[in-house]
Structure formats: C-alpha cells, structure tokens
Amino acid sequence: MEKGTFLSKCWVGLIGAAIVVLPTTFAESGAAREAPRVTVACGMLKGIHEGSIFVYKGIPYAKPPVGELRFAPPEDAEPWSGELDCDKFGFQCFQHPAVAGSEPFSEDCLKLNVWTPAKPGEAAGLPVYVFIHGGGFSSGSGSSPMYDGTSFAKKGVVAVTVNYRLGALGFFASRETLKRYGTTGNWGLLDQIKALEWVRDNIAAFGGDRGKVTIGGESAGSFSVSALATSPLANGLFRGVIMESGSVLSLPELSYHARGDLEKSIRASRVLADIFEADDSADGLAKMRRADPEVLAYLGFFAADQTATPFFLTPAFDGKVLPKSRPDAASAGKLAGVNFLLGFNNDEGSLFIPGNADDGGCKALVARVFGGQKALQVFDRLKVDARNTRLQRTRQAAAYGIFSAGMKRFADIAADAGSNVYMYKFKYVSPGNKKSGLGAAHASELPFVFNNLATMGLSGPEAEELAGETHRRWVNFIKTGDPNLGEATPSGVTWPKYDSRETNVLYLDKKIVSGALEDKENIDFMADLAFGAEN
C-alpha cells in the first residue's frame, strides 16, 4: 500500500480533507425524527437514532477484497450514488461459525461502525476512539454487542469499531505477494491502517477531530494496535494507544509456527497452500485466490485450547508494514510521543488451558509457546508443588509468555522513551468466573471498559461501580491522554504513571488501589527468556 496520495475516485470534487456535510432538520419527538444523514468522501450515509446517539453501521472503508484484491493491500472504497442505508451492521469477515456473531459472512466485510453524540453538520471537534476487536486473528467483528459504542458516545467520544480480514484470508504469506507488494501476510493489519486513514479523512463529518484519535484493542486487537504503534505506515494517524492483553513483542510466542518471522510465515502458509495444490508462483496465487473462503476460514481457525495447527497465521515482521524483527519493533524511538494505557488480567491463561488438561498437554503447550529448550527453564522456574498444580503453573506460563511479559517490556521501552504510560491489572472476578474457576480471565475487563455489563449477564452495585470507574478512566485517557484528568471516578485514586523502575500500576478490583506490579520477578524472567537471544 502506497501512502501519500488519496486522489481516488472517492476524492474527485473534494478539496483536501474537507468533508461536505448536508444540513438535516430534526423534530425533537422520537418517532418524528428524520434519519441522520452525513456526506463522506464516497457519498451520503443515512444512519439511525439510538436515544440521543447517532449511529452509522456498515460503512465501507475499502473495496471488497475479492479476486485480485484477495491477498493484496486494500484499496479505497468505490463511491456510491444516492443514500447508503447504515441502519444495520455489515457482513462479518469469514471465520469459524462456532465463535462468530449473528451477521452472515462475506469477503465484502471491510466495514466500520460509528457512534456519535454530534448532530449532522455540527463541527464538534470531539475525541475519537477506534477499537479493533480480538479473536486470535481468526474470529470476531466490530458488530459484537460487547463493543457497542453508546456509552463512549454519551461521554462525548466518537466511537468507531472496525472489521478486518481474518485467518488465512487476512494473514496468508507467500513469496509471490512479497514480490508484487513488498509485503506479505499482513493483509489484516493493512486493513486496519486503511480504516484509520478513512477515519482521518472522514471523521469530521461525524463531529470527530482527526487530530484527537486514540486506537485501542483487546487480545488480537491489542497485538494489532501495538503493531500499528511501531508501523511506519501508521505514523500520524493517532495520538494515543490502549492495549488490553497483548503486545506485538509477544508475537513469536503467540504464533506457534510462524513466530512472527517472515520466512517462517511463508513456510507455514505453504503448508496450507499445499492442500490446494498451489505452489508459490503466479499460478499458485491464482489458485489460492479461487479457493473457497469458507474452507480457508475453517483451516485458519485458532483453537483456544491445547491444539495448535500450522494454519494458525498471524502478522509477520516484514520490514514494510512492521519492522523487520522483534528487536526492531522494540526500538525506543518508534514509541516516543504517543500516550499509552495498557494492561492485562490476573488470570489470562485460564481461558486457554481447560481445567481437564493433563500433564502431557500442559507441557506441550509450554513447549510450543517458549520452544522446547526454553520450556525446560520455565518448568524449573514454575515448579509444581503442594500449592501449585501443573494446570495452575501452565496457566501462569501461558499468561506470562503470551501476554504480561511482552506488555511489560513494551511499557518499559515506551516509558524510557519519554511516552506517558499508564498500566493496569484487572483482578475482579465475576460470580460466574469464580464458580467456574476461571478467575479474572482473558477478556474479563471488556464489559467494564465499554460499560456494557448486560452483554455478559453482569449486574449489581459491585460490578456497576467498577464499570463506572473503568469506563471513566478510558474516557479520560481518550480525551486528555491522562486517565486522571476529566470526569471524577468513584474511587478518586490517582493512577500513577508507569516507569520501568518503580513499575506502578492501578489495580482494578472491588477496591481500587495503586502499587508496584505484582509478580514482577517472574514476568521479567519470562521476558528475559523470550527476548534474551534476540537483543
């Protein structure tokens, strides 16, 4: 994808980044109100009212990535005539139906959704939050009820959620595409960058300020936004980053076979291509572009248990979309000048290792995360004893290796580079998770961040107070770059800046407290183990 010019068909007749906004009159009574309408670069959008909020769903930000655009950088969306109805979410990108939402699948899935409190035509200059969903790079969508942006919009933030290509369709790598495009295997990340460019050039129509964009994500979304923080193609597209449970620096531990390495990613993709009798040539790429997308989605599915397949594909350090290697991605200079709010949950590993996992399966998973030789050091460090079973130790090892070690190292580098960094640890255990033994598991914080407790069946004063605290902290950060500035929080506790020496964090639980990072020694040990041979 080449940056620098956007003189596509969508921009004919527009001057610079100016957005034409059509005036719309509104009757104050609910049923009589007209649908909100705005005009963006490619045409007019007709949204819907949801209470006091204006919502625009299923907005195309790129052409459908089909035919020659499968396994290729995304291109600007085509203009349309008349009004585009944005009253329902667009298609989900192809994925395994076992973990999908309610919308049907299609390759025509590069859509985003906007929630705003600003009336059409109102130059409100509001801060913008662009959220990138998780799902192991192989599932999920921006239309999940969990990510409904209403609560953010009610707090004066324009909220945006994004779909991007998943699984093999999003991360298949080959030498042929590397030769053609100068990158390969990063199609999903390129989609995210294209969506951010769309936000830059169109968000004023929704009352947003292109200079006040914060990007955030959870799990694979957190891996993604941290990757964008290191990407030269994303420079200038945002001023703040929120990372929930994931760092690009842990990409080698996440992708069991590709390890984030370009050559290994191409080799892992070759195993997939062999199923379709497609070699790494122009003819082979043409075969892969004709392959059934549903089959590719099934084959590229990430199973959140002990099973790992060679078809689980993730982004690659390629030297164009991302730096050439993990050490390059960890270069301090690339992170300077951006504010970060980041953290992880107390029991990240419990969601990935089932309670009935046997000793052999537990050992195998640790070997896949760290590599066989390093796994021996993990076993020696995290000994099984009277207080810690093999299952508990494996869940800890997975949490350290895939999440907390890379996030702490990322925070250390960013803070040392002069960025404002705020770290949290989420420790609240819902009644359901307590009963199941999952603890404060991976993704537990999401309904509190979005203040959407009902989507996870949560309620009661305890949960509601924590949701009020967490949501307001996120809103304050999005607005000011500091989670302490803005609307007062229930606890009133000051969230200290993180630095690599004192490692102060905010603990989100029934009681909000700040203090030094728990288990720092084990996290640092795992980080040194993972990074030591590369730096």
Protein backbone atom coordinates (compact mmCIF):
# COMPACT_ATOMS: atom_id res chain seq x y z
CA MET A 1 0.00 0.00 0.00
CA GLU A 2 1.46 3.34 -1.01
CA LYS A 3 0.87 6.32 1.26
CA GLY A 4 0.88 9.99 0.42
CA THR A 5 -1.92 10.37 -2.11
CA PHE A 6 -5.63 9.74 -1.88
CA LEU A 7 -6.76 11.06 -5.25
CA SER A 8 -9.02 8.08 -5.81
CA LYS A 9 -12.45 8.17 -7.36
CA CYS A 10 -13.86 8.96 -3.92
CA TRP A 11 -11.96 12.25 -3.80
CA VAL A 12 -12.96 13.76 -7.12
CA GLY A 13 -14.54 17.14 -6.45
CA LEU A 14 -13.35 17.39 -2.86
CA ILE A 15 -10.71 19.84 -1.71
CA GLY A 16 -8.06 18.47 0.66
CA ALA A 17 -9.56 16.63 3.58
CA ALA A 18 -12.69 18.79 3.75
CA ILE A 19 -15.92 16.87 4.25
CA VAL A 20 -19.23 18.13 2.88
CA VAL A 21 -21.99 17.82 5.48
CA LEU A 22 -25.58 18.20 4.42
CA PRO A 23 -27.81 20.07 6.89
CA THR A 24 -30.60 17.99 8.33
CA THR A 25 -33.53 19.19 10.41
CA PHE A 26 -34.76 17.21 13.38
CA ALA A 27 -38.06 17.08 15.17
CA GLU A 28 -37.49 16.56 18.87
CA SER A 29 -40.12 13.84 19.35
CA GLY A 30 -38.77 10.30 18.88
CA ALA A 31 -40.91 8.80 16.10
CA ALA A 32 -40.95 12.01 14.04
CA ARG A 33 -37.20 12.46 13.89
CA GLU A 34 -35.63 12.14 10.49
CA ALA A 35 -32.81 9.68 9.98
CA PRO A 36 -29.45 11.42 10.41
CA ARG A 37 -27.57 11.96 7.18
CA VAL A 38 -23.95 12.88 6.56
CA THR A 39 -21.83 13.01 3.44
CA VAL A 40 -18.36 11.49 3.40
CA ALA A 41 -15.85 11.17 0.58
CA CYS A 42 -17.67 8.37 -1.25
CA GLY A 43 -21.27 9.53 -0.82
CA MET A 44 -24.16 10.11 1.55
CA LEU A 45 -24.84 7.93 4.61
CA LYS A 46 -28.21 7.53 6.29
CA GLY A 47 -27.87 6.42 9.90
CA ILE A 48 -30.23 5.82 12.80
CA HIS A 49 -31.09 7.31 16.18
CA GLU A 50 -30.43 5.29 19.31
CA GLY A 51 -31.72 7.55 22.02
CA SER A 52 -29.59 10.69 21.98
CA ILE A 53 -26.87 8.99 19.93
CA PHE A 54 -26.48 8.86 16.15
CA VAL A 55 -25.26 5.53 14.78
CA TYR A 56 -23.97 4.64 11.32
CA LYS A 57 -23.38 0.92 10.76
CA GLY A 58 -21.69 -0.99 7.98
CA ILE A 59 -19.81 1.90 6.33
CA PRO A 60 -17.42 0.60 3.63
CA TYR A 61 -13.89 1.89 4.08
CA ALA A 62 -12.31 -0.19 1.28
CA LYS A 63 -13.26 -2.18 -1.78
CA PRO A 64 -14.32 -5.80 -1.20
CA PRO A 65 -11.02 -7.77 -1.11
CA VAL A 66 -12.05 -10.31 -3.74
CA GLY A 67 -10.47 -11.58 -6.94
CA GLU A 68 -7.14 -9.81 -7.48
CA LEU A 69 -7.60 -7.99 -4.15
CA ARG A 70 -7.56 -11.19 -2.10
CA PHE A 71 -4.09 -11.44 -0.51
CA ALA A 72 -3.37 -7.85 -1.58
CA PRO A 73 -3.37 -4.42 0.08
CA PRO A 74 -6.85 -2.88 0.40
CA GLU A 75 -7.96 -0.15 -1.99
CA ASP A 76 -10.21 2.86 -1.38
CA ALA A 77 -13.93 2.15 -1.41
CA GLU A 78 -15.86 2.93 -4.59
CA PRO A 79 -18.25 5.90 -4.50
CA TRP A 80 -21.98 5.24 -4.48
CA SER A 81 -24.94 7.23 -5.72
CA GLY A 82 -27.92 8.18 -3.61
CA GLU A 83 -28.08 7.29 0.08
CA LEU A 84 -26.32 4.33 1.65
CA ASP A 85 -28.50 2.89 4.40
CA CYS A 86 -26.37 2.41 7.52
CA ASP A 87 -29.04 1.02 9.80
CA LYS A 88 -27.55 -2.46 10.20
CA PHE A 89 -24.11 -3.98 10.57
CA GLY A 90 -22.26 -5.23 7.54
CA PHE A 91 -21.08 -8.75 6.84
CA GLN A 92 -18.59 -10.37 9.17
CA CYS A 93 -15.28 -11.39 7.67
CA PHE A 94 -15.07 -15.14 7.05
CA GLN A 95 -14.40 -17.13 10.22
CA HIS A 96 -15.37 -20.32 12.02
CA PRO A 97 -19.11 -20.14 12.87
CA ALA A 98 -18.55 -21.65 16.34
CA VAL A 99 -17.30 -18.29 17.64
CA ALA A 100 -19.00 -15.86 15.25
CA GLY A 101 -21.70 -13.30 15.82
CA SER A 102 -25.09 -13.13 14.16
CA GLU A 103 -24.22 -11.35 10.89
CA PRO A 104 -23.54 -13.53 7.83
CA PHE A 105 -20.06 -13.98 6.37
CA SER A 106 -18.66 -12.42 3.22
CA GLU A 107 -15.37 -11.25 1.82
CA ASP A 108 -17.18 -7.94 1.33
CA CYS A 109 -16.59 -7.23 5.02
CA LEU A 110 -14.28 -4.22 5.20
CA LYS A 111 -16.78 -2.06 7.03
CA LEU A 112 -16.73 0.10 10.12
CA ASN A 113 -19.35 1.48 12.51
CA VAL A 114 -19.65 4.91 14.13
CA TRP A 115 -21.45 6.06 17.30
CA THR A 116 -21.51 9.83 17.84
CA PRO A 117 -23.32 12.37 20.01
CA ALA A 118 -22.77 15.08 17.38
CA LYS A 119 -25.67 16.11 15.16
CA PRO A 120 -25.03 16.09 11.42
CA GLY A 121 -23.38 19.33 10.43
CA GLU A 122 -22.07 20.01 13.92
CA ALA A 123 -18.33 20.73 13.91
CA ALA A 124 -17.93 19.38 17.41
CA GLY A 125 -14.19 18.61 17.42
CA LEU A 126 -14.77 15.52 19.57
CA PRO A 127 -12.11 12.98 20.52
CA VAL A 128 -12.28 9.68 18.63
CA TYR A 129 -11.79 6.12 19.84
CA VAL A 130 -11.14 3.46 17.18
CA PHE A 131 -11.46 -0.03 18.67
CA ILE A 132 -10.03 -3.13 16.98
CA HIS A 133 -11.59 -6.41 18.06
CA GLY A 134 -9.82 -9.54 19.26
CA GLY A 135 -10.35 -13.18 18.38
CA GLY A 136 -6.92 -14.67 17.80
CA PHE A 137 -6.65 -13.02 14.36
CA SER A 138 -9.15 -15.60 13.14
CA SER A 139 -12.54 -14.58 14.55
CA GLY A 140 -14.58 -11.63 15.81
CA SER A 141 -16.12 -8.48 14.37
CA GLY A 142 -16.79 -4.88 15.23
CA SER A 143 -20.51 -5.64 15.45
CA SER A 144 -20.29 -7.63 18.69
CA PRO A 145 -22.75 -6.27 21.29
CA MET A 146 -19.81 -6.18 23.69
CA TYR A 147 -18.27 -3.37 21.63
CA ASP A 148 -21.37 -1.20 21.34
CA GLY A 149 -20.06 2.36 21.46
CA THR A 150 -23.10 4.02 23.02
CA SER A 151 -21.56 4.57 26.45
CA PHE A 152 -18.49 6.22 24.90
CA ALA A 153 -20.68 8.45 22.72
CA LYS A 154 -22.73 9.52 25.74
CA LYS A 155 -19.46 10.67 27.32
CA GLY A 156 -18.60 12.85 24.34
CA VAL A 157 -16.40 10.43 22.38
CA VAL A 158 -16.94 9.39 18.76
CA ALA A 159 -16.59 5.59 18.89
CA VAL A 160 -15.57 3.53 15.86
CA THR A 161 -15.35 -0.26 15.52
CA VAL A 162 -13.68 -1.98 12.59
CA ASN A 163 -13.77 -5.28 10.71
CA TYR A 164 -10.55 -6.60 9.15
CA ARG A 165 -9.61 -9.74 7.24
CA LEU A 166 -9.09 -12.78 9.46
CA GLY A 167 -7.38 -16.14 9.42
CA ALA A 168 -5.79 -17.25 6.17
CA LEU A 169 -7.64 -14.54 4.24
CA GLY A 170 -6.01 -11.92 6.44
CA PHE A 171 -2.55 -13.35 7.04
CA PHE A 172 -1.60 -15.79 4.27
CA ALA A 173 2.02 -15.14 3.23
CA SER A 174 3.82 -16.00 0.01
CA ARG A 175 6.90 -15.03 -1.95
CA GLU A 176 4.72 -14.13 -4.92
CA THR A 177 2.79 -11.49 -2.97
CA LEU A 178 6.02 -10.29 -1.34
CA LYS A 179 7.44 -9.73 -4.83
CA ARG A 180 4.31 -7.90 -6.01
CA TYR A 181 3.56 -5.71 -3.00
CA GLY A 182 6.73 -5.51 -0.93
CA THR A 183 4.90 -7.13 1.97
CA THR A 184 3.06 -10.34 2.62
CA GLY A 185 0.96 -11.91 5.34
CA ASN A 186 -0.15 -8.58 6.83
CA TRP A 187 -3.40 -8.00 4.94
CA GLY A 188 -5.42 -7.65 8.14
CA LEU A 189 -3.05 -5.01 9.50
CA LEU A 190 -3.19 -3.15 6.19
CA ASP A 191 -6.99 -3.17 6.50
CA GLN A 192 -6.70 -1.57 9.93
CA ILE A 193 -4.39 1.12 8.56
CA LYS A 194 -6.80 1.77 5.69
CA ALA A 195 -9.63 2.16 8.24
CA LEU A 196 -7.54 4.68 10.20
CA GLU A 197 -6.87 6.62 7.01
CA TRP A 198 -10.62 6.65 6.40
CA VAL A 199 -11.14 7.98 9.93
CA ARG A 200 -8.53 10.68 9.36
CA ASP A 201 -10.21 11.83 6.16
CA ASN A 202 -13.89 11.45 7.12
CA ILE A 203 -14.41 11.61 10.87
CA ALA A 204 -15.11 15.36 10.85
CA ALA A 205 -18.47 14.54 9.25
CA PHE A 206 -19.43 12.81 12.50
CA GLY A 207 -18.20 15.59 14.77
CA GLY A 208 -14.81 13.98 15.39
CA ASP A 209 -11.39 15.63 15.39
CA ARG A 210 -8.83 13.84 13.20
CA GLY A 211 -6.08 15.13 15.49
CA LYS A 212 -7.61 13.54 18.60
CA VAL A 213 -7.69 9.86 17.63
CA THR A 214 -6.91 7.10 20.12
CA ILE A 215 -6.71 3.50 18.92
CA GLY A 216 -7.41 0.55 21.18
CA GLY A 217 -7.93 -3.16 21.12
CA GLU A 218 -8.11 -6.32 23.17
CA SER A 219 -6.25 -9.61 22.64
CA ALA A 220 -5.51 -9.80 18.88
CA GLY A 221 -6.77 -6.21 18.77
CA SER A 222 -4.16 -5.27 21.36
CA PHE A 223 -1.45 -7.09 19.41
CA SER A 224 -2.69 -5.09 16.42
CA VAL A 225 -2.69 -1.60 17.93
CA SER A 226 0.75 -2.14 19.45
CA ALA A 227 1.89 -3.27 16.00
CA LEU A 228 0.45 -0.08 14.50
CA ALA A 229 2.38 1.92 17.09
CA THR A 230 5.57 0.51 15.54
CA SER A 231 4.44 0.65 11.90
CA PRO A 232 5.87 3.38 9.66
CA LEU A 233 2.67 3.22 7.60
CA ALA A 234 0.56 4.32 10.57
CA ASN A 235 2.63 7.36 11.59
CA GLY A 236 0.47 10.36 12.45
CA LEU A 237 -2.85 8.52 12.41
CA PHE A 238 -3.36 8.56 16.20
CA ARG A 239 -2.08 10.20 19.36
CA GLY A 240 -2.93 7.56 21.96
CA VAL A 241 -2.92 3.76 22.23
CA ILE A 242 -4.90 1.50 24.57
CA MET A 243 -3.64 -2.08 24.79
CA GLU A 244 -5.70 -4.71 26.61
CA SER A 245 -3.90 -8.06 26.88
CA GLY A 246 -1.46 -8.24 24.01
CA SER A 247 1.74 -6.79 22.58
CA VAL A 248 3.37 -7.20 19.20
CA LEU A 249 6.55 -8.02 21.12
CA SER A 250 4.91 -11.33 22.12
CA LEU A 251 4.04 -12.23 18.54
CA PRO A 252 6.66 -15.03 18.42
CA GLU A 253 5.10 -16.64 21.49
CA LEU A 254 1.58 -16.28 20.11
CA SER A 255 2.17 -17.75 16.66
CA TYR A 256 3.42 -21.22 17.41
CA HIS A 257 4.69 -21.99 13.92
CA ALA A 258 5.28 -18.69 12.13
CA ARG A 259 6.76 -16.97 15.23
CA GLY A 260 6.23 -13.60 13.56
CA ASP A 261 9.19 -14.33 11.30
CA LEU A 262 8.67 -13.56 7.61
CA GLU A 263 10.38 -16.70 6.27
CA LYS A 264 8.64 -18.96 8.79
CA SER A 265 5.31 -17.29 7.99
CA ILE A 266 5.80 -18.06 4.31
CA ARG A 267 6.72 -21.67 5.11
CA ALA A 268 3.70 -22.10 7.38
CA SER A 269 1.46 -20.68 4.66
CA ARG A 270 2.99 -23.09 2.15
CA VAL A 271 1.65 -26.00 4.23
CA LEU A 272 -1.81 -24.52 3.84
CA ALA A 273 -1.34 -23.86 0.12
CA ASP A 274 -0.32 -27.49 -0.45
CA ILE A 275 -3.89 -28.53 0.36
CA PHE A 276 -4.98 -26.60 -2.73
CA GLU A 277 -2.04 -27.85 -4.81
CA ALA A 278 -0.89 -24.25 -5.12
CA ASP A 279 2.83 -23.57 -5.42
CA ASP A 280 4.48 -20.23 -4.69
CA SER A 281 4.09 -18.79 -8.17
CA ALA A 282 1.68 -16.54 -10.04
CA ASP A 283 -0.39 -19.59 -10.98
CA GLY A 284 -0.31 -20.81 -7.38
CA LEU A 285 -1.52 -17.43 -6.11
CA ALA A 286 -4.33 -17.50 -8.67
CA LYS A 287 -5.41 -20.89 -7.26
CA MET A 288 -5.41 -19.54 -3.73
CA ARG A 289 -7.48 -16.58 -4.86
CA ARG A 290 -10.08 -19.02 -6.21
CA ALA A 291 -10.14 -21.17 -3.07
CA ASP A 292 -13.39 -21.41 -1.12
CA PRO A 293 -13.22 -18.67 1.56
CA GLU A 294 -15.23 -20.80 3.99
CA VAL A 295 -12.67 -23.59 3.74
CA LEU A 296 -9.84 -21.11 4.30
CA ALA A 297 -11.65 -19.77 7.37
CA TYR A 298 -12.01 -23.26 8.87
CA LEU A 299 -8.41 -24.18 8.15
CA GLY A 300 -7.06 -20.94 9.62
CA PHE A 301 -9.04 -21.13 12.84
CA PHE A 302 -7.28 -20.54 16.16
CA ALA A 303 -8.47 -23.04 18.78
CA ALA A 304 -8.30 -21.60 22.30
CA ASP A 305 -7.14 -24.81 23.93
CA GLN A 306 -4.16 -27.14 23.70
CA THR A 307 -4.49 -27.58 19.94
CA ALA A 308 -2.27 -25.57 17.63
CA THR A 309 -2.25 -26.09 13.88
CA PRO A 310 0.30 -24.95 11.31
CA PHE A 311 -2.52 -22.99 9.65
CA PHE A 312 -2.85 -20.53 12.55
CA LEU A 313 -1.44 -17.46 10.80
CA THR A 314 -0.60 -14.08 12.32
CA PRO A 315 1.16 -10.85 11.26
CA ALA A 316 4.80 -11.01 10.25
CA PHE A 317 7.77 -8.72 10.82
CA ASP A 318 8.30 -7.80 7.17
CA GLY A 319 10.20 -4.51 7.12
CA LYS A 320 7.35 -2.58 5.49
CA VAL A 321 4.09 -2.86 7.43
CA LEU A 322 6.04 -3.84 10.55
CA PRO A 323 9.72 -3.55 11.41
CA LYS A 324 11.97 -6.38 10.22
CA SER A 325 12.19 -8.16 13.58
CA ARG A 326 11.11 -8.10 17.19
CA PRO A 327 14.25 -6.18 18.26
CA ASP A 328 13.50 -3.56 15.61
CA ALA A 329 9.90 -3.36 16.83
CA ALA A 330 11.22 -2.76 20.34
CA SER A 331 13.27 0.25 19.22
CA ALA A 332 12.52 3.00 21.73
CA GLY A 333 12.47 5.82 19.20
CA LYS A 334 9.46 4.40 17.39
CA LEU A 335 7.28 4.66 20.50
CA ALA A 336 8.18 8.17 21.63
CA GLY A 337 5.50 10.85 21.62
CA VAL A 338 2.46 8.54 21.91
CA ASN A 339 0.48 8.10 25.14
CA PHE A 340 -0.18 4.53 26.25
CA LEU A 341 -2.75 2.97 28.56
CA LEU A 342 -2.12 -0.75 28.78
CA GLY A 343 -2.52 -3.77 30.98
CA PHE A 344 -3.61 -7.33 31.45
CA ASN A 345 -5.81 -9.51 33.62
CA ASN A 346 -4.87 -11.52 36.67
CA ASP A 347 -5.72 -14.91 35.21
CA GLU A 348 -5.10 -14.52 31.47
CA GLY A 349 -4.13 -18.15 30.94
CA SER A 350 -7.25 -19.78 32.35
CA LEU A 351 -9.30 -19.26 29.20
CA PHE A 352 -6.76 -21.10 27.02
CA ILE A 353 -5.97 -24.17 29.13
CA PRO A 354 -9.05 -26.21 30.05
CA GLY A 355 -9.47 -27.50 33.57
CA ASN A 356 -9.23 -31.11 32.43
CA ALA A 357 -5.85 -30.66 30.68
CA ASP A 358 -3.48 -33.48 31.56
CA ASP A 359 0.22 -33.13 32.36
CA GLY A 360 1.35 -34.03 28.85
CA GLY A 361 -0.92 -31.47 27.23
CA CYS A 362 0.20 -28.79 29.68
CA LYS A 363 3.88 -29.49 28.99
CA ALA A 364 3.27 -29.49 25.25
CA LEU A 365 1.62 -26.09 25.34
CA VAL A 366 4.52 -24.53 27.27
CA ALA A 367 6.93 -26.08 24.76
CA ARG A 368 5.01 -24.53 21.88
CA VAL A 369 4.91 -21.07 23.48
CA PHE A 370 8.54 -20.84 24.51
CA GLY A 371 10.24 -23.52 22.41
CA GLY A 372 11.41 -26.87 23.70
CA GLN A 373 14.71 -25.81 25.29
CA LYS A 374 13.35 -22.67 26.92
CA ALA A 375 10.40 -24.66 28.23
CA LEU A 376 12.79 -26.59 30.46
CA GLN A 377 13.76 -23.31 32.14
CA VAL A 378 10.09 -22.42 32.55
CA PHE A 379 9.40 -25.75 34.26
CA ASP A 380 12.37 -25.17 36.55
CA ARG A 381 11.17 -21.67 37.43
CA LEU A 382 7.50 -22.55 37.89
CA LYS A 383 7.82 -25.73 39.90
CA VAL A 384 4.85 -27.92 40.64
CA ASP A 385 4.43 -28.27 44.38
CA ALA A 386 1.83 -28.73 47.09
CA ARG A 387 0.32 -25.30 46.39
CA ASN A 388 0.64 -25.19 42.61
CA THR A 389 -0.61 -27.90 40.30
CA ARG A 390 0.68 -28.48 36.78
CA LEU A 391 -2.52 -26.88 35.46
CA GLN A 392 -2.03 -23.74 37.55
CA ARG A 393 1.61 -23.43 36.56
CA THR A 394 0.80 -23.90 32.88
CA ARG A 395 -1.87 -21.23 33.02
CA GLN A 396 0.68 -18.91 34.62
CA ALA A 397 3.29 -19.70 32.00
CA ALA A 398 0.83 -19.02 29.17
CA ALA A 399 -0.18 -15.72 30.78
CA TYR A 400 3.44 -14.63 31.16
CA GLY A 401 4.61 -15.77 27.74
CA ILE A 402 1.70 -14.62 25.57
CA PHE A 403 0.59 -11.53 27.47
CA SER A 404 2.25 -9.96 30.50
CA ALA A 405 5.96 -10.36 29.62
CA GLY A 406 5.63 -8.68 26.24
CA MET A 407 3.34 -5.99 27.60
CA LYS A 408 5.69 -5.11 30.45
CA ARG A 409 8.65 -4.98 28.08
CA PHE A 410 6.63 -2.75 25.74
CA ALA A 411 5.70 -0.47 28.67
CA ASP A 412 9.32 -0.30 29.83
CA ILE A 413 10.53 0.74 26.37
CA ALA A 414 7.77 3.32 25.85
CA ALA A 415 8.24 4.86 29.30
CA ASP A 416 12.02 5.02 28.90
CA ALA A 417 11.48 6.73 25.53
CA GLY A 418 9.55 9.50 27.27
CA SER A 419 5.98 8.44 26.48
CA ASN A 420 3.30 8.82 29.13
CA VAL A 421 2.42 5.26 30.12
CA TYR A 422 -0.35 4.07 32.46
CA MET A 423 -0.51 0.37 33.32
CA TYR A 424 -3.37 -1.54 34.93
CA LYS A 425 -4.00 -5.03 36.20
CA PHE A 426 -7.62 -6.22 36.18
CA LYS A 427 -8.36 -8.52 39.11
CA TYR A 428 -12.14 -8.50 39.51
CA VAL A 429 -13.67 -11.98 39.42
CA SER A 430 -17.32 -12.14 38.43
CA PRO A 431 -19.58 -14.62 40.23
CA GLY A 432 -19.72 -16.83 37.15
CA ASN A 433 -15.94 -16.91 36.72
CA LYS A 434 -15.48 -17.60 40.40
CA LYS A 435 -17.80 -20.58 40.17
CA SER A 436 -16.05 -21.95 37.08
CA GLY A 437 -12.55 -21.39 38.44
CA LEU A 438 -11.53 -19.05 35.60
CA GLY A 439 -10.74 -16.09 37.85
CA ALA A 440 -10.12 -12.72 36.19
CA ALA A 441 -9.76 -14.43 32.83
CA HIS A 442 -8.76 -13.13 29.41
CA ALA A 443 -11.32 -10.56 28.15
CA SER A 444 -12.96 -10.18 31.58
CA GLU A 445 -12.40 -6.42 31.54
CA LEU A 446 -14.27 -5.74 28.29
CA PRO A 447 -17.83 -5.26 29.62
CA PHE A 448 -16.40 -2.86 32.20
CA VAL A 449 -14.38 -0.88 29.66
CA PHE A 450 -17.40 -0.43 27.37
CA ASN A 451 -19.82 -0.14 30.31
CA ASN A 452 -21.88 -2.89 28.67
CA LEU A 453 -22.31 -5.22 31.63
CA ALA A 454 -25.58 -6.69 30.39
CA THR A 455 -23.88 -8.22 27.35
CA MET A 456 -22.11 -10.64 29.71
CA GLY A 457 -25.01 -11.07 32.13
CA LEU A 458 -23.35 -8.94 34.79
CA SER A 459 -25.24 -6.67 37.18
CA GLY A 460 -25.34 -5.42 40.74
CA PRO A 461 -23.81 -2.47 42.62
CA GLU A 462 -20.33 -4.02 42.82
CA ALA A 463 -19.98 -4.59 39.09
CA GLU A 464 -21.68 -1.32 38.20
CA GLU A 465 -19.31 0.71 40.38
CA LEU A 466 -16.27 -0.96 38.82
CA ALA A 467 -17.71 -0.38 35.33
CA GLY A 468 -18.19 3.29 36.16
CA GLU A 469 -14.59 3.50 37.36
CA THR A 470 -13.05 1.63 34.42
CA HIS A 471 -15.11 3.28 31.70
CA ARG A 472 -14.42 6.78 33.00
CA ARG A 473 -10.68 6.08 33.17
CA TRP A 474 -10.71 5.04 29.50
CA VAL A 475 -12.78 8.08 28.52
CA ASN A 476 -10.46 10.43 30.40
CA PHE A 477 -7.44 8.93 28.66
CA ILE A 478 -9.06 9.21 25.24
CA LYS A 479 -9.92 12.86 25.88
CA THR A 480 -6.76 14.05 27.62
CA GLY A 481 -4.04 11.39 27.41
CA ASP A 482 -4.24 11.04 31.22
CA PRO A 483 -6.77 8.70 32.92
CA ASN A 484 -6.79 11.00 35.95
CA LEU A 485 -7.90 14.16 34.11
CA GLY A 486 -11.54 14.75 33.30
CA GLU A 487 -14.57 13.23 34.95
CA ALA A 488 -14.07 12.19 38.57
CA THR A 489 -14.07 8.45 39.26
CA PRO A 490 -15.84 6.65 42.13
CA SER A 491 -12.57 5.73 43.84
CA GLY A 492 -10.74 9.03 43.44
CA VAL A 493 -7.47 7.07 43.45
CA THR A 494 -4.64 8.63 41.46
CA TRP A 495 -3.40 6.38 38.67
CA PRO A 496 0.39 6.81 38.75
CA LYS A 497 2.49 6.99 35.62
CA TYR A 498 4.36 3.80 34.92
CA ASP A 499 8.13 3.74 34.78
CA SER A 500 10.50 0.83 34.33
CA ARG A 501 11.99 1.16 37.81
CA GLU A 502 9.04 1.56 40.18
CA THR A 503 6.54 -0.26 37.91
CA ASN A 504 3.50 1.38 39.49
CA VAL A 505 0.13 0.12 38.23
CA LEU A 506 -3.56 0.60 39.01
CA TYR A 507 -5.39 -2.48 40.28
CA LEU A 508 -8.97 -2.69 39.05
CA ASP A 509 -10.96 -4.77 41.54
CA LYS A 510 -13.66 -4.41 44.17
CA LYS A 511 -11.29 -1.95 45.78
CA ILE A 512 -9.22 0.32 43.53
CA VAL A 513 -5.61 0.67 44.66
CA SER A 514 -2.27 1.52 43.11
CA GLY A 515 1.08 -0.07 43.81
CA ALA A 516 4.09 -1.84 42.37
CA LEU A 517 3.47 -4.55 39.79
CA GLU A 518 2.82 -7.92 41.38
CA ASP A 519 4.95 -10.88 40.34
CA LYS A 520 7.45 -8.59 38.63
CA GLU A 521 10.30 -11.07 39.09
CA ASN A 522 8.54 -13.89 37.25
CA ILE A 523 7.36 -11.57 34.49
CA ASP A 524 10.86 -10.21 33.99
CA PHE A 525 12.27 -13.73 33.99
CA MET A 526 9.86 -14.73 31.22
CA ALA A 527 10.60 -11.56 29.27
CA ASP A 528 14.34 -12.16 29.52
CA LEU A 529 13.80 -15.76 28.46
CA ALA A 530 11.74 -14.75 25.45
CA PHE A 531 13.82 -11.74 24.38
CA GLY A 532 17.28 -12.68 25.58
CA ALA A 533 18.54 -14.44 22.47
CA GLU A 534 17.34 -11.65 20.16
CA ASN A 535 18.63 -8.47 21.81
